[in-house]
Amino acid sequence: MAQEILTTFSEEVAAVALKPAVVSGTYSIFIDEQLVFDRKTMGRFPEVKELKQLIRDRISPGKNLGHSDRNAT
């Protein structure tokens, strides 16, 4: 997922940091210390498409994500 984020947001994101959690099973995504996704709250892991949309909505709302923006029919 880190590579997807860096590729998709090459002009907006300079780095992705992975930080081990104190509690096993923790999976949280933060942007500038703001929680974007939390596995415990959602009860699941995010899909790459969903994560890219959440990140885009925070850092570059006008950015077109191509196929990641298309709704399933």
PDB file of N, CA and C in Angstrom:
ATOM      1  N   MET A   1       0.818  -1.196   0.000  1.00  0.00           N
ATOM      2  CA  MET A   1       0.000   0.000   0.000  1.00  0.00           C
ATOM      3  C   MET A   1       0.860   1.257   0.000  1.00  0.00           C
ATOM      4  N   ALA A   2       1.979   1.209   0.690  1.00  0.00           N
ATOM      5  CA  ALA A   2       2.859   2.376   0.730  1.00  0.00           C
ATOM      6  C   ALA A   2       3.306   2.759  -0.675  1.00  0.00           C
ATOM      7  N   GLN A   3       3.674   1.774  -1.488  1.00  0.00           N
ATOM      8  CA  GLN A   3       4.108   2.053  -2.855  1.00  0.00           C
ATOM      9  C   GLN A   3       2.975   2.654  -3.680  1.00  0.00           C
ATOM     10  N   GLU A   4       1.765   2.160  -3.505  1.00  0.00           N
ATOM     11  CA  GLU A   4       0.594   2.712  -4.207  1.00  0.00           C
ATOM     12  C   GLU A   4       0.391   4.184  -3.846  1.00  0.00           C
ATOM     13  N   ILE A   5       0.526   4.499  -2.574  1.00  0.00           N
ATOM     14  CA  ILE A   5       0.356   5.879  -2.110  1.00  0.00           C
ATOM     15  C   ILE A   5       1.433   6.774  -2.708  1.00  0.00           C
ATOM     16  N   LEU A   6       2.690   6.321  -2.659  1.00  0.00           N
ATOM     17  CA  LEU A   6       3.783   7.121  -3.193  1.00  0.00           C
ATOM     18  C   LEU A   6       3.672   7.315  -4.698  1.00  0.00           C
ATOM     19  N   THR A   7       3.207   6.302  -5.399  1.00  0.00           N
ATOM     20  CA  THR A   7       3.047   6.402  -6.845  1.00  0.00           C
ATOM     21  C   THR A   7       1.884   7.317  -7.211  1.00  0.00           C
ATOM     22  N   THR A   8       0.759   7.119  -6.575  1.00  0.00           N
ATOM     23  CA  THR A   8      -0.444   7.902  -6.873  1.00  0.00           C
ATOM     24  C   THR A   8      -0.278   9.365  -6.498  1.00  0.00           C
ATOM     25  N   PHE A   9       0.371   9.613  -5.369  1.00  0.00           N
ATOM     26  CA  PHE A   9       0.510  10.978  -4.861  1.00  0.00           C
ATOM     27  C   PHE A   9       1.965  11.441  -4.907  1.00  0.00           C
ATOM     28  N   SER A  10       2.627  11.188  -6.022  1.00  0.00           N
ATOM     29  CA  SER A  10       4.058  11.489  -6.148  1.00  0.00           C
ATOM     30  C   SER A  10       4.380  12.971  -5.961  1.00  0.00           C
ATOM     31  N   GLU A  11       3.457  13.838  -6.306  1.00  0.00           N
ATOM     32  CA  GLU A  11       3.700  15.274  -6.143  1.00  0.00           C
ATOM     33  C   GLU A  11       3.240  15.802  -4.785  1.00  0.00           C
ATOM     34  N   GLU A  12       2.370  15.070  -4.108  1.00  0.00           N
ATOM     35  CA  GLU A  12       1.810  15.538  -2.838  1.00  0.00           C
ATOM     36  C   GLU A  12       2.443  14.893  -1.608  1.00  0.00           C
ATOM     37  N   VAL A  13       2.941  13.674  -1.740  1.00  0.00           N
ATOM     38  CA  VAL A  13       3.464  12.924  -0.591  1.00  0.00           C
ATOM     39  C   VAL A  13       4.963  12.690  -0.772  1.00  0.00           C
ATOM     40  N   ALA A  14       5.741  13.150   0.198  1.00  0.00           N
ATOM     41  CA  ALA A  14       7.191  12.985   0.134  1.00  0.00           C
ATOM     42  C   ALA A  14       7.655  11.674   0.748  1.00  0.00           C
ATOM     43  N   ALA A  15       6.884  11.145   1.718  1.00  0.00           N
ATOM     44  CA  ALA A  15       7.312   9.928   2.406  1.00  0.00           C
ATOM     45  C   ALA A  15       6.121   9.240   3.067  1.00  0.00           C
ATOM     46  N   VAL A  16       6.281   7.939   3.251  1.00  0.00           N
ATOM     47  CA  VAL A  16       5.319   7.132   3.998  1.00  0.00           C
ATOM     48  C   VAL A  16       6.117   6.455   5.101  1.00  0.00           C
ATOM     49  N   ALA A  17       5.681   6.608   6.329  1.00  0.00           N
ATOM     50  CA  ALA A  17       6.379   6.007   7.459  1.00  0.00           C
ATOM     51  C   ALA A  17       5.571   4.853   8.025  1.00  0.00           C
ATOM     52  N   LEU A  18       6.243   3.757   8.279  1.00  0.00           N
ATOM     53  CA  LEU A  18       5.614   2.602   8.923  1.00  0.00           C
ATOM     54  C   LEU A  18       6.127   2.555  10.356  1.00  0.00           C
ATOM     55  N   LYS A  19       5.213   2.537  11.299  1.00  0.00           N
ATOM     56  CA  LYS A  19       5.583   2.573  12.711  1.00  0.00           C
ATOM     57  C   LYS A  19       4.964   1.368  13.415  1.00  0.00           C
ATOM     58  N   PRO A  20       5.790   0.512  14.023  1.00  0.00           N
ATOM     59  CA  PRO A  20       5.238  -0.641  14.746  1.00  0.00           C
ATOM     60  C   PRO A  20       4.334  -0.170  15.889  1.00  0.00           C
ATOM     61  N   ALA A  21       3.233  -0.879  16.064  1.00  0.00           N
ATOM     62  CA  ALA A  21       2.285  -0.535  17.124  1.00  0.00           C
ATOM     63  C   ALA A  21       2.637  -1.262  18.412  1.00  0.00           C
ATOM     64  N   VAL A  22       2.268  -0.665  19.514  1.00  0.00           N
ATOM     65  CA  VAL A  22       2.461  -1.278  20.815  1.00  0.00           C
ATOM     66  C   VAL A  22       1.503  -2.464  20.973  1.00  0.00           C
ATOM     67  N   VAL A  23       0.280  -2.301  20.469  1.00  0.00           N
ATOM     68  CA  VAL A  23      -0.752  -3.326  20.576  1.00  0.00           C
ATOM     69  C   VAL A  23      -0.798  -4.125  19.275  1.00  0.00           C
ATOM     70  N   SER A  24      -0.651  -5.435  19.377  1.00  0.00           N
ATOM     71  CA  SER A  24      -0.691  -6.305  18.213  1.00  0.00           C
ATOM     72  C   SER A  24      -2.031  -6.194  17.496  1.00  0.00           C
ATOM     73  N   GLY A  25      -2.003  -6.180  16.163  1.00  0.00           N
ATOM     74  CA  GLY A  25      -3.226  -6.098  15.378  1.00  0.00           C
ATOM     75  C   GLY A  25      -3.674  -4.688  15.070  1.00  0.00           C
ATOM     76  N   THR A  26      -2.961  -3.699  15.571  1.00  0.00           N
ATOM     77  CA  THR A  26      -3.307  -2.310  15.307  1.00  0.00           C
ATOM     78  C   THR A  26      -2.932  -1.958  13.874  1.00  0.00           C
ATOM     79  N   TYR A  27      -3.821  -1.283  13.182  1.00  0.00           N
ATOM     80  CA  TYR A  27      -3.564  -0.826  11.815  1.00  0.00           C
ATOM     81  C   TYR A  27      -4.298   0.491  11.653  1.00  0.00           C
ATOM     82  N   SER A  28      -3.551   1.578  11.757  1.00  0.00           N
ATOM     83  CA  SER A  28      -4.131   2.916  11.658  1.00  0.00           C
ATOM     84  C   SER A  28      -3.361   3.727  10.634  1.00  0.00           C
ATOM     85  N   ILE A  29      -4.081   4.543   9.882  1.00  0.00           N
ATOM     86  CA  ILE A  29      -3.489   5.420   8.885  1.00  0.00           C
ATOM     87  C   ILE A  29      -3.700   6.855   9.353  1.00  0.00           C
ATOM     88  N   PHE A  30      -2.607   7.608   9.417  1.00  0.00           N
ATOM     89  CA  PHE A  30      -2.655   9.006   9.829  1.00  0.00           C
ATOM     90  C   PHE A  30      -2.069   9.883   8.739  1.00  0.00           C
ATOM     91  N   ILE A  31      -2.598  11.092   8.615  1.00  0.00           N
ATOM     92  CA  ILE A  31      -2.000  12.125   7.781  1.00  0.00           C
ATOM     93  C   ILE A  31      -1.803  13.320   8.698  1.00  0.00           C
ATOM     94  N   ASP A  32      -0.551  13.713   8.878  1.00  0.00           N
ATOM     95  CA  ASP A  32      -0.221  14.829   9.770  1.00  0.00           C
ATOM     96  C   ASP A  32      -0.919  14.684  11.125  1.00  0.00           C
ATOM     97  N   GLU A  33      -0.807  13.506  11.697  1.00  0.00           N
ATOM     98  CA  GLU A  33      -1.337  13.182  13.019  1.00  0.00           C
ATOM     99  C   GLU A  33      -2.867  13.140  13.094  1.00  0.00           C
ATOM    100  N   GLN A  34      -3.547  13.240  11.960  1.00  0.00           N
ATOM    101  CA  GLN A  34      -5.010  13.106  11.931  1.00  0.00           C
ATOM    102  C   GLN A  34      -5.347  11.697  11.455  1.00  0.00           C
ATOM    103  N   LEU A  35      -6.193  11.009  12.215  1.00  0.00           N
ATOM    104  CA  LEU A  35      -6.586   9.652  11.872  1.00  0.00           C
ATOM    105  C   LEU A  35      -7.443   9.643  10.615  1.00  0.00           C
ATOM    106  N   VAL A  36      -7.036   8.821   9.643  1.00  0.00           N
ATOM    107  CA  VAL A  36      -7.764   8.687   8.384  1.00  0.00           C
ATOM    108  C   VAL A  36      -8.503   7.352   8.341  1.00  0.00           C
ATOM    109  N   PHE A  37      -7.876   6.302   8.868  1.00  0.00           N
ATOM    110  CA  PHE A  37      -8.498   4.979   8.871  1.00  0.00           C
ATOM    111  C   PHE A  37      -7.991   4.204  10.077  1.00  0.00           C
ATOM    112  N   ASP A  38      -8.896   3.499  10.748  1.00  0.00           N
ATOM    113  CA  ASP A  38      -8.526   2.667  11.893  1.00  0.00           C
ATOM    114  C   ASP A  38      -9.199   1.302  11.765  1.00  0.00           C
ATOM    115  N   ARG A  39      -8.396   0.253  11.712  1.00  0.00           N
ATOM    116  CA  ARG A  39      -8.920  -1.100  11.538  1.00  0.00           C
ATOM    117  C   ARG A  39      -9.871  -1.491  12.653  1.00  0.00           C
ATOM    118  N   LYS A  40      -9.547  -1.147  13.885  1.00  0.00           N
ATOM    119  CA  LYS A  40     -10.394  -1.529  15.015  1.00  0.00           C
ATOM    120  C   LYS A  40     -11.777  -0.879  14.918  1.00  0.00           C
ATOM    121  N   THR A  41     -11.814   0.391  14.586  1.00  0.00           N
ATOM    122  CA  THR A  41     -13.083   1.105  14.458  1.00  0.00           C
ATOM    123  C   THR A  41     -13.913   0.569  13.300  1.00  0.00           C
ATOM    124  N   MET A  42     -13.256   0.318  12.171  1.00  0.00           N
ATOM    125  CA  MET A  42     -13.963  -0.137  10.970  1.00  0.00           C
ATOM    126  C   MET A  42     -14.209  -1.649  10.966  1.00  0.00           C
ATOM    127  N   GLY A  43     -13.444  -2.387  11.753  1.00  0.00           N
ATOM    128  CA  GLY A  43     -13.610  -3.835  11.816  1.00  0.00           C
ATOM    129  C   GLY A  43     -13.032  -4.574  10.624  1.00  0.00           C
ATOM    130  N   ARG A  44     -12.142  -3.902   9.883  1.00  0.00           N
ATOM    131  CA  ARG A  44     -11.550  -4.496   8.685  1.00  0.00           C
ATOM    132  C   ARG A  44     -10.348  -3.672   8.233  1.00  0.00           C
ATOM    133  N   PHE A  45      -9.616  -4.217   7.287  1.00  0.00           N
ATOM    134  CA  PHE A  45      -8.535  -3.476   6.655  1.00  0.00           C
ATOM    135  C   PHE A  45      -9.112  -2.709   5.464  1.00  0.00           C
ATOM    136  N   PRO A  46      -8.489  -1.587   5.085  1.00  0.00           N
ATOM    137  CA  PRO A  46      -9.004  -0.833   3.944  1.00  0.00           C
ATOM    138  C   PRO A  46      -8.608  -1.474   2.617  1.00  0.00           C
ATOM    139  N   GLU A  47      -9.444  -1.306   1.625  1.00  0.00           N
ATOM    140  CA  GLU A  47      -9.067  -1.666   0.259  1.00  0.00           C
ATOM    141  C   GLU A  47      -8.156  -0.544  -0.238  1.00  0.00           C
ATOM    142  N   VAL A  48      -7.247  -0.864  -1.150  1.00  0.00           N
ATOM    143  CA  VAL A  48      -6.319   0.143  -1.677  1.00  0.00           C
ATOM    144  C   VAL A  48      -7.095   1.308  -2.288  1.00  0.00           C
ATOM    145  N   LYS A  49      -8.130   1.009  -3.061  1.00  0.00           N
ATOM    146  CA  LYS A  49      -8.957   2.043  -3.693  1.00  0.00           C
ATOM    147  C   LYS A  49      -9.539   2.990  -2.638  1.00  0.00           C
ATOM    148  N   GLU A  50     -10.083   2.413  -1.587  1.00  0.00           N
ATOM    149  CA  GLU A  50     -10.690   3.203  -0.515  1.00  0.00           C
ATOM    150  C   GLU A  50      -9.651   4.085   0.168  1.00  0.00           C
ATOM    151  N   LEU A  51      -8.494   3.518   0.452  1.00  0.00           N
ATOM    152  CA  LEU A  51      -7.434   4.265   1.122  1.00  0.00           C
ATOM    153  C   LEU A  51      -6.961   5.427   0.256  1.00  0.00           C
ATOM    154  N   LYS A  52      -6.795   5.194  -1.035  1.00  0.00           N
ATOM    155  CA  LYS A  52      -6.375   6.264  -1.937  1.00  0.00           C
ATOM    156  C   LYS A  52      -7.413   7.379  -1.978  1.00  0.00           C
ATOM    157  N   GLN A  53      -8.691   7.029  -1.954  1.00  0.00           N
ATOM    158  CA  GLN A  53      -9.742   8.037  -1.948  1.00  0.00           C
ATOM    159  C   GLN A  53      -9.729   8.843  -0.644  1.00  0.00           C
ATOM    160  N   LEU A  54      -9.528   8.165   0.482  1.00  0.00           N
ATOM    161  CA  LEU A  54      -9.473   8.857   1.773  1.00  0.00           C
ATOM    162  C   LEU A  54      -8.295   9.827   1.827  1.00  0.00           C
ATOM    163  N   ILE A  55      -7.159   9.378   1.334  1.00  0.00           N
ATOM    164  CA  ILE A  55      -5.970  10.236   1.318  1.00  0.00           C
ATOM    165  C   ILE A  55      -6.188  11.414   0.388  1.00  0.00           C
ATOM    166  N   ARG A  56      -6.694  11.138  -0.813  1.00  0.00           N
ATOM    167  CA  ARG A  56      -6.963  12.206  -1.784  1.00  0.00           C
ATOM    168  C   ARG A  56      -7.895  13.261  -1.200  1.00  0.00           C
ATOM    169  N   ASP A  57      -8.948  12.805  -0.525  1.00  0.00           N
ATOM    170  CA  ASP A  57      -9.921  13.736   0.048  1.00  0.00           C
ATOM    171  C   ASP A  57      -9.288  14.664   1.072  1.00  0.00           C
ATOM    172  N   ARG A  58      -8.220  14.217   1.721  1.00  0.00           N
ATOM    173  CA  ARG A  58      -7.532  15.035   2.727  1.00  0.00           C
ATOM    174  C   ARG A  58      -6.485  15.963   2.124  1.00  0.00           C
ATOM    175  N   ILE A  59      -5.700  15.457   1.167  1.00  0.00           N
ATOM    176  CA  ILE A  59      -4.542  16.231   0.710  1.00  0.00           C
ATOM    177  C   ILE A  59      -4.693  16.885  -0.658  1.00  0.00           C
ATOM    178  N   SER A  60      -5.591  16.379  -1.493  1.00  0.00           N
ATOM    179  CA  SER A  60      -5.735  16.911  -2.850  1.00  0.00           C
ATOM    180  C   SER A  60      -7.132  16.606  -3.388  1.00  0.00           C
ATOM    181  N   PRO A  61      -8.167  17.265  -2.822  1.00  0.00           N
ATOM    182  CA  PRO A  61      -9.549  16.939  -3.155  1.00  0.00           C
ATOM    183  C   PRO A  61      -9.894  16.963  -4.645  1.00  0.00           C
ATOM    184  N   GLY A  62      -9.218  17.761  -5.435  1.00  0.00           N
ATOM    185  CA  GLY A  62      -9.531  17.851  -6.850  1.00  0.00           C
ATOM    186  C   GLY A  62      -8.833  16.821  -7.717  1.00  0.00           C
ATOM    187  N   LYS A  63      -7.960  16.019  -7.126  1.00  0.00           N
ATOM    188  CA  LYS A  63      -7.165  15.064  -7.897  1.00  0.00           C
ATOM    189  C   LYS A  63      -8.035  13.928  -8.423  1.00  0.00           C
ATOM    190  N   ASN A  64      -7.875  13.619  -9.708  1.00  0.00           N
ATOM    191  CA  ASN A  64      -8.577  12.513 -10.339  1.00  0.00           C
ATOM    192  C   ASN A  64      -7.767  11.242 -10.122  1.00  0.00           C
ATOM    193  N   LEU A  65      -8.391  10.224  -9.572  1.00  0.00           N
ATOM    194  CA  LEU A  65      -7.701   8.962  -9.313  1.00  0.00           C
ATOM    195  C   LEU A  65      -7.933   7.933 -10.415  1.00  0.00           C
ATOM    196  N   GLY A  66      -8.493   8.372 -11.528  1.00  0.00           N
ATOM    197  CA  GLY A  66      -8.713   7.449 -12.643  1.00  0.00           C
ATOM    198  C   GLY A  66      -9.636   6.320 -12.261  1.00  0.00           C
ATOM    199  N   HIS A  67      -9.193   5.077 -12.479  1.00  0.00           N
ATOM    200  CA  HIS A  67     -10.047   3.915 -12.212  1.00  0.00           C
ATOM    201  C   HIS A  67     -10.437   3.781 -10.739  1.00  0.00           C
ATOM    202  N   SER A  68      -9.653   4.370  -9.829  1.00  0.00           N
ATOM    203  CA  SER A  68      -9.994   4.303  -8.407  1.00  0.00           C
ATOM    204  C   SER A  68     -11.190   5.176  -8.053  1.00  0.00           C
ATOM    205  N   ASP A  69     -11.565   6.078  -8.958  1.00  0.00           N
ATOM    206  CA  ASP A  69     -12.723   6.941  -8.723  1.00  0.00           C
ATOM    207  C   ASP A  69     -14.008   6.365  -9.281  1.00  0.00           C
ATOM    208  N   ARG A  70     -13.901   5.357 -10.093  1.00  0.00           N
ATOM    209  CA  ARG A  70     -15.098   4.772 -10.703  1.00  0.00           C
ATOM    210  C   ARG A  70     -15.851   3.921  -9.683  1.00  0.00           C
ATOM    211  N   ASN A  71     -17.153   4.085  -9.668  1.00  0.00           N
ATOM    212  CA  ASN A  71     -17.999   3.274  -8.779  1.00  0.00           C
ATOM    213  C   ASN A  71     -18.238   1.913  -9.390  1.00  0.00           C
ATOM    214  N   ALA A  72     -18.391   0.906  -8.547  1.00  0.00           N
ATOM    215  CA  ALA A  72     -18.724  -0.431  -9.036  1.00  0.00           C
ATOM    216  C   ALA A  72     -20.165  -0.414  -9.547  1.00  0.00           C
ATOM    217  N   THR A  73     -20.411  -1.142 -10.637  1.00  0.00           N
ATOM    218  CA  THR A  73     -21.759  -1.173 -11.180  1.00  0.00           C
ATOM    219  C   THR A  73     -22.440  -2.469 -10.842  1.00  0.00           C
TER     220      THR A  73
END
